[in-house]
Amino acid sequence: MVLVTVQPEERSTAPGATPAFPAQRGPGGQRPAPGGPAPGGPAFDRFAPLALTPARELTRLLFGPRSERNRIHAPWRRLIAGETFRPRPDLSPAQQVARSYERLRLVNDTLDDPARLARDPHLLAALHEWTAIADGGGGLCTLASIHYNLFLGSLLDHPDDRRDLSPFTSLQRTGTFLCTEVDHGNDSFALETTAELDPRTDEFVLHTPHPGARKFMPNTSTTGGPKTALVAARLLTGGRDHGVFLFLTPLSDDHGPLPGIRVTPLPLRPDAPVDHCLTAFDHVRLPRQALLEAEHGRLDHTGTLTSTLGNPRKRFLHSINRVTTGKLCMSAAAVGATRAALAIAVRHGQHRHVSGPRPGQRIPSTPTAPTTAGSSPPWPPPTA
C-alpha cells in the first residue's frame, strides 16, 4: 500500500492569500528551525501530519477535477448507494448469480446510450471502480466487463451496417465472450475451435473438435435471459487456416440453448456470483456476416482473405484488442476495492481501543482529528 501525504512548501503567497499550510510559529511569531522545537511549544515535526493533508486535494488526485468527477464518477457512486447493492448474505449462490444480472440491468437502465459507455474507457473504468466496492464477489464487475467491453466494444470496433445492436444495448440479449479453452489459456493463439466456410451455402460451420477445445469459464447459462456470444475460432476457407477471428454466435433463447450449443454449468461458488460454464459447438451454422471483419481481415465473395496485417498472430491480437481495455477495467476494480478496504481500516482504527499506559486503562488506538464546524466532508465520503 502506498501512503500519499502532501507536505507544506516554503513559498511566498499572493497578497491577501492564505497559505494552504500555515507555518507553525511560537508565541512571538518566530519560525521554528527545521526539525527543531517550536519556541515556547512542543517539538515541531517538519513533515506534515496526516491530519493536515487537505482532503480536497487528495480527492482531486484520486478522482480528477470536478467536471470530470461529476461526469465519470458521480453516476456510479449514486448507483451503488441504492437498495439493490445492499449485502444479502441470506441468498443462495444461485440467487446471488441471478442478482448479478439484476444489477447489470440496473446499470443499463441508468444509461442514455450503452454504446457510448462501451466506447469510453474512462466511464468503463469508473464503473468497475465503484461497483467493486459494493459488489460482493465481483459478479457485476465481471458481467459488465464482458457485456460492455469485450462483447459490445468488440462489435463497435468491427462495425457492420447489417448488424442490429439494439438487442444488446437494450439487454434483450446479454453478450458474452468465448476465447479461453480447456487446453488453451495464455496460449490463446493456439485455440482449436474452428469456423469453416461452406462454399455451397456461404455459411460458417462452428465446431468444437474435441473436449479440450471446449470454451472454459464464460457465462453462457440461461440465467439472466437469452445470450449471444463472440466466439474466438480459427477461420478455415478452402482448406487454409487464416488464424483466429471472432464470430457472432447466438447461444440461447427464452426456451434454452439453441441447437448444436452444448453448455455444461460449472459448480457455483458463493464468493464468485457468475454462471461459469463449459461451452461446446456441434457443427453450428452461422451466416456470413457472423464474422467480425475490419482492416485486419475481410473475406471476399470467393472466400479469399485480404488483410492489412502481415501474419495470423497480429490479426488475432487485433481481434481481441478489447482485452487491453479489460485489464484497465479490472485494475480500476482493484483500486476501488482497495480504497474501500482502506476506509474500513481507518474507521475501525478510529473506534478501536487498546491498552493504555496505566493498568486497566483503554485509549483510542488512533486519535480522531478535530473537525471544523460547518466544514463539508471530502468528496466522496469513505464507502464501506
Protein backbone atom coordinates (compact mmCIF):
# COMPACT_ATOMS: atom_id res chain seq x y z
CA MET A 1 0.00 0.00 0.00
CA VAL A 2 1.31 3.45 -0.88
CA LEU A 3 0.68 6.20 1.68
CA VAL A 4 0.25 9.57 -0.01
CA THR A 5 1.00 12.66 2.09
CA VAL A 6 1.15 16.25 0.99
CA GLN A 7 3.91 18.24 2.64
CA PRO A 8 3.88 22.02 3.15
CA GLU A 9 6.25 24.01 0.98
CA GLU A 10 8.12 27.16 1.91
CA ARG A 11 6.88 29.57 -0.77
CA SER A 12 5.52 33.06 -0.94
CA THR A 13 1.83 33.72 -1.48
CA ALA A 14 -0.03 36.46 -3.28
CA PRO A 15 -1.08 39.50 -1.20
CA GLY A 16 -4.07 38.65 0.89
CA ALA A 17 -3.88 34.93 0.07
CA THR A 18 -3.95 32.33 2.82
CA PRO A 19 -1.23 29.69 2.60
CA ALA A 20 -2.50 26.14 2.15
CA PHE A 21 -0.27 25.03 5.01
CA PRO A 22 0.24 27.89 7.51
CA ALA A 23 3.67 27.51 9.13
CA GLN A 24 3.69 26.80 12.85
CA ARG A 25 5.11 29.63 14.94
CA GLY A 26 5.90 30.26 18.55
CA PRO A 27 4.14 32.76 20.82
CA GLY A 28 6.32 35.58 19.49
CA GLY A 29 5.66 34.78 15.90
CA GLN A 30 9.13 33.42 15.21
CA ARG A 31 9.57 30.38 12.93
CA PRO A 32 10.97 27.17 14.37
CA ALA A 33 14.21 25.85 12.99
CA PRO A 34 13.61 22.98 10.55
CA GLY A 35 13.29 19.82 12.59
CA GLY A 36 13.81 21.68 15.89
CA PRO A 37 11.47 22.61 18.74
CA ALA A 38 8.97 25.40 18.27
CA PRO A 39 9.79 28.35 20.55
CA GLY A 40 7.67 28.06 23.64
CA GLY A 41 5.88 24.98 22.28
CA PRO A 42 6.23 21.26 21.64
CA ALA A 43 8.63 19.72 19.18
CA PHE A 44 7.80 20.67 15.59
CA ASP A 45 7.62 17.87 13.03
CA ARG A 46 8.75 19.23 9.66
CA PHE A 47 6.70 16.53 7.91
CA ALA A 48 3.03 17.34 7.57
CA PRO A 49 0.91 15.05 9.77
CA LEU A 50 -1.94 13.22 8.09
CA ALA A 51 -4.46 15.49 9.80
CA LEU A 52 -3.06 18.41 7.78
CA THR A 53 -3.34 16.68 4.39
CA PRO A 54 -6.06 18.60 2.51
CA ALA A 55 -8.92 16.22 1.76
CA ARG A 56 -9.95 18.19 -1.27
CA GLU A 57 -6.50 17.95 -2.83
CA LEU A 58 -6.44 14.21 -2.22
CA THR A 59 -9.91 13.97 -3.78
CA ARG A 60 -8.64 15.80 -6.85
CA LEU A 61 -5.69 13.44 -7.12
CA LEU A 62 -7.93 10.38 -6.84
CA PHE A 63 -10.93 11.48 -8.90
CA GLY A 64 -9.76 14.33 -11.11
CA PRO A 65 -11.21 17.85 -11.47
CA ARG A 66 -14.82 18.44 -10.51
CA SER A 67 -16.11 18.46 -14.09
CA GLU A 68 -14.64 15.04 -14.83
CA ARG A 69 -15.59 13.81 -11.38
CA ASN A 70 -19.26 14.58 -11.97
CA ARG A 71 -19.27 13.05 -15.46
CA ILE A 72 -17.28 9.90 -14.79
CA HIS A 73 -17.68 9.01 -11.12
CA ALA A 74 -20.92 10.58 -9.84
CA PRO A 75 -23.37 8.31 -11.74
CA TRP A 76 -21.79 5.10 -10.44
CA ARG A 77 -21.41 6.49 -6.93
CA ARG A 78 -25.16 7.22 -6.85
CA LEU A 79 -25.92 3.81 -8.33
CA ILE A 80 -24.18 1.74 -5.65
CA ALA A 81 -25.90 3.73 -2.91
CA GLY A 82 -29.24 2.12 -3.85
CA GLU A 83 -31.02 -0.73 -2.13
CA THR A 84 -30.08 -3.23 -4.86
CA PHE A 85 -26.47 -3.05 -3.74
CA ARG A 86 -27.14 -3.78 -0.09
CA PRO A 87 -25.43 -7.02 1.04
CA ARG A 88 -27.72 -10.07 1.10
CA PRO A 89 -25.81 -12.90 2.80
CA ASP A 90 -29.05 -14.87 3.11
CA LEU A 91 -29.20 -15.58 -0.65
CA SER A 92 -28.08 -18.91 -2.08
CA PRO A 93 -25.24 -18.99 -4.66
CA ALA A 94 -27.79 -19.38 -7.50
CA GLN A 95 -29.77 -16.40 -6.19
CA GLN A 96 -26.57 -14.36 -5.96
CA VAL A 97 -25.85 -15.11 -9.63
CA ALA A 98 -29.36 -14.02 -10.62
CA ARG A 99 -28.86 -10.86 -8.58
CA SER A 100 -25.68 -10.06 -10.53
CA TYR A 101 -27.79 -9.96 -13.70
CA GLU A 102 -30.42 -7.79 -11.97
CA ARG A 103 -27.67 -5.34 -11.14
CA LEU A 104 -26.43 -5.44 -14.74
CA ARG A 105 -29.91 -4.43 -15.92
CA LEU A 106 -29.97 -1.65 -13.35
CA VAL A 107 -26.69 -0.34 -14.78
CA ASN A 108 -28.13 -0.47 -18.29
CA ASP A 109 -31.29 1.36 -17.19
CA THR A 110 -29.20 4.27 -15.93
CA LEU A 111 -27.51 4.75 -19.32
CA ASP A 112 -28.76 7.07 -22.04
CA ASP A 113 -26.52 5.32 -24.56
CA PRO A 114 -24.92 1.97 -23.65
CA ALA A 115 -22.79 2.13 -26.80
CA ARG A 116 -21.22 5.35 -25.53
CA LEU A 117 -20.22 3.56 -22.35
CA ALA A 118 -18.54 0.83 -24.40
CA ARG A 119 -16.63 3.48 -26.37
CA ASP A 120 -15.47 5.46 -23.31
CA PRO A 121 -12.68 3.72 -21.35
CA HIS A 122 -12.86 6.37 -18.61
CA LEU A 123 -16.54 5.65 -17.92
CA LEU A 124 -15.93 1.91 -18.14
CA ALA A 125 -13.04 2.03 -15.67
CA ALA A 126 -15.05 4.18 -13.24
CA LEU A 127 -17.96 1.72 -13.44
CA HIS A 128 -15.64 -1.07 -12.32
CA GLU A 129 -14.01 1.11 -9.68
CA TRP A 130 -17.30 1.85 -7.93
CA THR A 131 -19.18 -1.40 -8.37
CA ALA A 132 -16.21 -3.29 -6.92
CA ILE A 133 -16.88 -1.51 -3.62
CA ALA A 134 -20.44 -2.76 -3.16
CA ASP A 135 -20.48 -5.79 -5.46
CA GLY A 136 -19.65 -8.74 -3.23
CA GLY A 137 -17.65 -11.35 -5.14
CA GLY A 138 -17.31 -9.21 -8.26
CA GLY A 139 -20.35 -10.63 -10.08
CA LEU A 140 -21.47 -7.35 -11.62
CA CYS A 141 -17.89 -6.28 -12.38
CA THR A 142 -17.38 -9.48 -14.35
CA LEU A 143 -20.67 -9.33 -16.24
CA ALA A 144 -20.33 -5.61 -17.04
CA SER A 145 -16.76 -6.06 -18.24
CA ILE A 146 -17.81 -8.91 -20.53
CA HIS A 147 -21.01 -7.36 -21.91
CA TYR A 148 -19.96 -3.72 -22.38
CA ASN A 149 -16.26 -4.06 -23.06
CA LEU A 150 -15.42 -7.45 -24.56
CA PHE A 151 -18.71 -8.06 -26.35
CA LEU A 152 -20.33 -4.73 -27.26
CA GLY A 153 -16.98 -2.96 -27.53
CA SER A 154 -15.66 -5.56 -29.98
CA LEU A 155 -18.80 -5.22 -32.12
CA LEU A 156 -18.36 -1.45 -32.22
CA ASP A 157 -14.70 -1.86 -33.15
CA HIS A 158 -15.77 -4.05 -36.10
CA PRO A 159 -18.73 -2.07 -37.50
CA ASP A 160 -21.16 -3.67 -39.93
CA ASP A 161 -24.22 -1.84 -41.26
CA ARG A 162 -26.10 -5.15 -41.50
CA ARG A 163 -25.77 -5.75 -37.76
CA ASP A 164 -28.53 -4.67 -35.35
CA LEU A 165 -27.07 -3.86 -31.94
CA SER A 166 -30.36 -2.88 -30.27
CA PRO A 167 -30.96 -6.32 -28.66
CA PHE A 168 -27.61 -5.89 -26.88
CA THR A 169 -27.87 -2.22 -25.95
CA SER A 170 -31.35 -2.87 -24.53
CA LEU A 171 -30.18 -6.08 -22.80
CA GLN A 172 -32.85 -8.13 -24.50
CA ARG A 173 -29.84 -10.35 -25.09
CA THR A 174 -26.79 -10.39 -22.82
CA GLY A 175 -23.43 -10.54 -24.55
CA THR A 176 -20.60 -12.86 -23.55
CA PHE A 177 -17.10 -13.56 -24.85
CA LEU A 178 -15.73 -17.05 -25.53
CA CYS A 179 -11.99 -17.21 -26.00
CA THR A 180 -10.17 -19.40 -23.46
CA GLU A 181 -10.40 -23.18 -23.94
CA VAL A 182 -9.77 -26.06 -21.58
CA ASP A 183 -6.42 -26.80 -23.24
CA HIS A 184 -5.53 -23.21 -24.09
CA GLY A 185 -5.35 -20.38 -21.59
CA ASN A 186 -2.46 -17.97 -22.05
CA ASP A 187 -1.69 -19.54 -25.43
CA SER A 188 -4.97 -18.37 -26.95
CA PHE A 189 -3.28 -18.02 -30.33
CA ALA A 190 -3.34 -21.85 -30.43
CA LEU A 191 -7.14 -22.16 -29.99
CA GLU A 192 -8.67 -25.20 -31.69
CA THR A 193 -12.34 -24.24 -32.15
CA THR A 194 -12.94 -23.91 -35.89
CA ALA A 195 -15.25 -21.89 -38.12
CA GLU A 196 -15.07 -23.30 -41.66
CA LEU A 197 -16.67 -21.59 -44.63
CA ASP A 198 -19.07 -23.84 -46.54
CA PRO A 199 -18.92 -22.52 -50.14
CA ARG A 200 -22.18 -24.28 -51.07
CA THR A 201 -24.30 -22.37 -48.55
CA ASP A 202 -21.96 -19.41 -47.90
CA GLU A 203 -22.20 -20.18 -44.17
CA PHE A 204 -19.64 -20.82 -41.45
CA VAL A 205 -19.71 -24.12 -39.57
CA LEU A 206 -18.65 -23.54 -35.96
CA HIS A 207 -17.32 -26.69 -34.31
CA THR A 208 -15.55 -27.94 -31.20
CA PRO A 209 -13.27 -30.76 -32.42
CA HIS A 210 -12.58 -32.41 -29.03
CA PRO A 211 -13.25 -31.88 -25.29
CA GLY A 212 -10.04 -29.94 -24.79
CA ALA A 213 -11.32 -27.28 -27.19
CA ARG A 214 -14.43 -26.51 -25.13
CA LYS A 215 -14.69 -22.87 -24.12
CA PHE A 216 -13.84 -22.59 -20.44
CA MET A 217 -15.48 -20.30 -17.86
CA PRO A 218 -17.74 -17.99 -19.92
CA ASN A 219 -21.16 -17.03 -18.50
CA THR A 220 -23.24 -19.00 -21.01
CA SER A 221 -26.07 -20.44 -18.91
CA THR A 222 -29.69 -19.33 -19.33
CA THR A 223 -29.51 -17.32 -16.09
CA GLY A 224 -30.15 -13.69 -16.92
CA GLY A 225 -32.10 -14.45 -20.12
CA PRO A 226 -31.12 -15.13 -23.75
CA LYS A 227 -27.45 -14.71 -24.63
CA THR A 228 -25.25 -14.13 -27.65
CA ALA A 229 -21.50 -14.71 -27.75
CA LEU A 230 -18.46 -13.57 -29.60
CA VAL A 231 -16.60 -16.84 -30.17
CA ALA A 232 -12.89 -16.89 -30.97
CA ALA A 233 -12.36 -19.60 -33.60
CA ARG A 234 -9.95 -20.50 -36.39
CA LEU A 235 -11.16 -19.23 -39.77
CA LEU A 236 -10.87 -22.00 -42.37
CA THR A 237 -11.54 -21.45 -46.08
CA GLY A 238 -10.66 -23.85 -48.90
CA GLY A 239 -8.61 -25.97 -46.54
CA ARG A 240 -6.49 -22.99 -45.43
CA ASP A 241 -6.17 -21.79 -41.82
CA HIS A 242 -6.21 -17.97 -41.57
CA GLY A 243 -5.86 -17.78 -37.80
CA VAL A 244 -8.25 -16.83 -35.01
CA PHE A 245 -11.14 -14.41 -35.63
CA LEU A 246 -14.32 -13.53 -33.74
CA PHE A 247 -17.75 -14.87 -34.75
CA LEU A 248 -21.09 -13.51 -33.53
CA THR A 249 -23.00 -16.57 -32.28
CA PRO A 250 -26.48 -16.73 -30.70
CA LEU A 251 -26.38 -19.19 -27.79
CA SER A 252 -29.88 -19.36 -26.34
CA ASP A 253 -33.43 -18.05 -26.44
CA ASP A 254 -36.25 -17.99 -23.91
CA HIS A 255 -36.53 -21.78 -24.11
CA GLY A 256 -32.87 -22.64 -23.51
CA PRO A 257 -29.71 -23.35 -25.55
CA LEU A 258 -30.06 -23.31 -29.34
CA PRO A 259 -29.44 -26.45 -31.46
CA GLY A 260 -25.80 -27.51 -31.50
CA ILE A 261 -24.89 -25.46 -28.40
CA ARG A 262 -23.67 -27.61 -25.51
CA VAL A 263 -23.49 -25.80 -22.16
CA THR A 264 -22.26 -27.54 -19.01
CA PRO A 265 -22.59 -25.41 -15.84
CA LEU A 266 -19.60 -25.38 -13.52
CA PRO A 267 -20.12 -25.56 -9.73
CA LEU A 268 -21.38 -22.28 -8.28
CA ARG A 269 -19.12 -20.55 -5.80
CA PRO A 270 -20.57 -18.24 -3.13
CA ASP A 271 -17.61 -15.86 -3.49
CA ALA A 272 -17.97 -15.55 -7.30
CA PRO A 273 -21.63 -14.96 -8.26
CA VAL A 274 -21.23 -15.64 -12.01
CA ASP A 275 -22.65 -18.54 -14.04
CA HIS A 276 -19.36 -20.01 -15.27
CA CYS A 277 -19.77 -22.86 -17.78
CA LEU A 278 -18.08 -25.13 -20.29
CA THR A 279 -19.39 -24.46 -23.81
CA ALA A 280 -19.03 -26.51 -26.99
CA PHE A 281 -20.38 -26.32 -30.55
CA ASP A 282 -21.58 -29.22 -32.68
CA HIS A 283 -21.45 -28.06 -36.32
CA VAL A 284 -23.39 -24.85 -35.62
CA ARG A 285 -24.16 -22.95 -38.84
CA LEU A 286 -23.66 -19.19 -38.85
CA PRO A 287 -24.43 -16.62 -41.57
CA ARG A 288 -21.61 -14.94 -43.47
CA GLN A 289 -21.99 -11.68 -41.51
CA ALA A 290 -21.21 -13.52 -38.26
CA LEU A 291 -17.51 -12.94 -38.96
CA LEU A 292 -16.23 -9.71 -37.38
CA GLU A 293 -14.33 -8.07 -40.19
CA ALA A 294 -12.18 -4.97 -40.35
CA GLU A 295 -8.89 -3.95 -41.92
CA HIS A 296 -7.16 -6.85 -40.15
CA GLY A 297 -9.14 -9.27 -42.32
CA ARG A 298 -12.01 -9.38 -44.82
CA LEU A 299 -13.39 -12.24 -46.90
CA ASP A 300 -14.49 -11.52 -50.46
CA HIS A 301 -17.27 -13.40 -52.27
CA THR A 302 -14.81 -16.11 -53.35
CA GLY A 303 -13.67 -16.80 -49.78
CA THR A 304 -10.31 -15.07 -50.27
CA LEU A 305 -8.97 -13.22 -47.22
CA THR A 306 -7.43 -9.76 -47.56
CA SER A 307 -5.64 -8.14 -44.63
CA THR A 308 -3.52 -5.10 -43.84
CA LEU A 309 -1.71 -7.11 -41.14
CA GLY A 310 1.10 -9.40 -42.10
CA ASN A 311 0.52 -12.56 -40.11
CA PRO A 312 -2.17 -14.52 -38.20
CA ARG A 313 -0.82 -13.56 -34.80
CA LYS A 314 -1.23 -9.84 -35.48
CA ARG A 315 -4.74 -10.47 -36.80
CA PHE A 316 -5.60 -12.40 -33.66
CA LEU A 317 -4.30 -9.64 -31.36
CA HIS A 318 -6.38 -7.12 -33.32
CA SER A 319 -9.48 -9.28 -32.91
CA ILE A 320 -9.12 -9.46 -29.13
CA ASN A 321 -7.86 -5.90 -28.72
CA ARG A 322 -10.60 -5.23 -26.15
CA VAL A 323 -8.74 -7.44 -23.68
CA THR A 324 -6.37 -4.50 -23.13
CA THR A 325 -9.23 -2.23 -22.04
CA GLY A 326 -10.43 -5.10 -19.85
CA LYS A 327 -7.12 -5.09 -18.00
CA LEU A 328 -7.60 -1.39 -17.28
CA CYS A 329 -11.15 -2.04 -16.02
CA MET A 330 -10.09 -4.83 -13.70
CA SER A 331 -7.22 -2.71 -12.38
CA ALA A 332 -9.75 0.03 -11.63
CA ALA A 333 -11.89 -2.52 -9.77
CA ALA A 334 -8.86 -3.42 -7.66
CA VAL A 335 -8.29 0.29 -6.92
CA GLY A 336 -11.89 0.74 -5.82
CA ALA A 337 -11.83 -2.33 -3.59
CA THR A 338 -8.52 -1.24 -2.06
CA ARG A 339 -9.89 2.24 -1.39
CA ALA A 340 -12.90 0.74 0.38
CA ALA A 341 -10.66 -1.57 2.43
CA LEU A 342 -8.55 1.40 3.50
CA ALA A 343 -11.68 3.34 4.51
CA ILE A 344 -12.85 0.39 6.60
CA ALA A 345 -9.43 0.10 8.27
CA VAL A 346 -9.31 3.82 9.09
CA ARG A 347 -12.83 3.81 10.53
CA HIS A 348 -12.01 0.74 12.59
CA GLY A 349 -8.84 2.42 13.85
CA GLN A 350 -10.82 5.46 14.96
CA HIS A 351 -13.17 3.32 17.07
CA ARG A 352 -10.75 0.66 18.26
CA HIS A 353 -9.39 0.89 21.82
CA VAL A 354 -6.15 -0.58 23.11
CA SER A 355 -4.47 -0.87 26.48
CA GLY A 356 -3.29 2.47 27.91
CA PRO A 357 -0.12 3.30 29.89
CA ARG A 358 -1.89 2.71 33.20
CA PRO A 359 -3.27 -0.67 34.31
CA GLY A 360 -6.87 -1.14 33.21
CA GLN A 361 -6.84 1.98 31.04
CA ARG A 362 -8.29 1.83 27.49
CA ILE A 363 -7.42 4.51 24.96
CA PRO A 364 -8.26 5.05 21.26
CA SER A 365 -5.67 3.43 19.02
CA THR A 366 -5.95 6.30 16.51
CA PRO A 367 -6.56 9.87 17.66
CA THR A 368 -9.52 11.39 15.85
CA ALA A 369 -8.63 14.59 14.03
CA PRO A 370 -10.72 17.59 15.09
CA THR A 371 -13.27 18.80 12.56
CA THR A 372 -14.10 22.40 11.80
CA ALA A 373 -17.69 23.41 12.37
CA GLY A 374 -19.55 23.85 9.12
CA SER A 375 -16.91 22.10 7.04
CA SER A 376 -18.05 19.68 4.38
CA PRO A 377 -16.69 16.14 4.12
CA PRO A 378 -14.36 15.24 1.27
CA TRP A 379 -15.90 14.00 -2.00
CA PRO A 380 -16.70 11.21 -1.99
CA PRO A 381 -17.08 10.17 1.65
CA PRO A 382 -15.47 6.83 2.53
CA THR A 383 -17.65 3.97 1.36
CA ALA A 384 -17.55 0.63 3.12
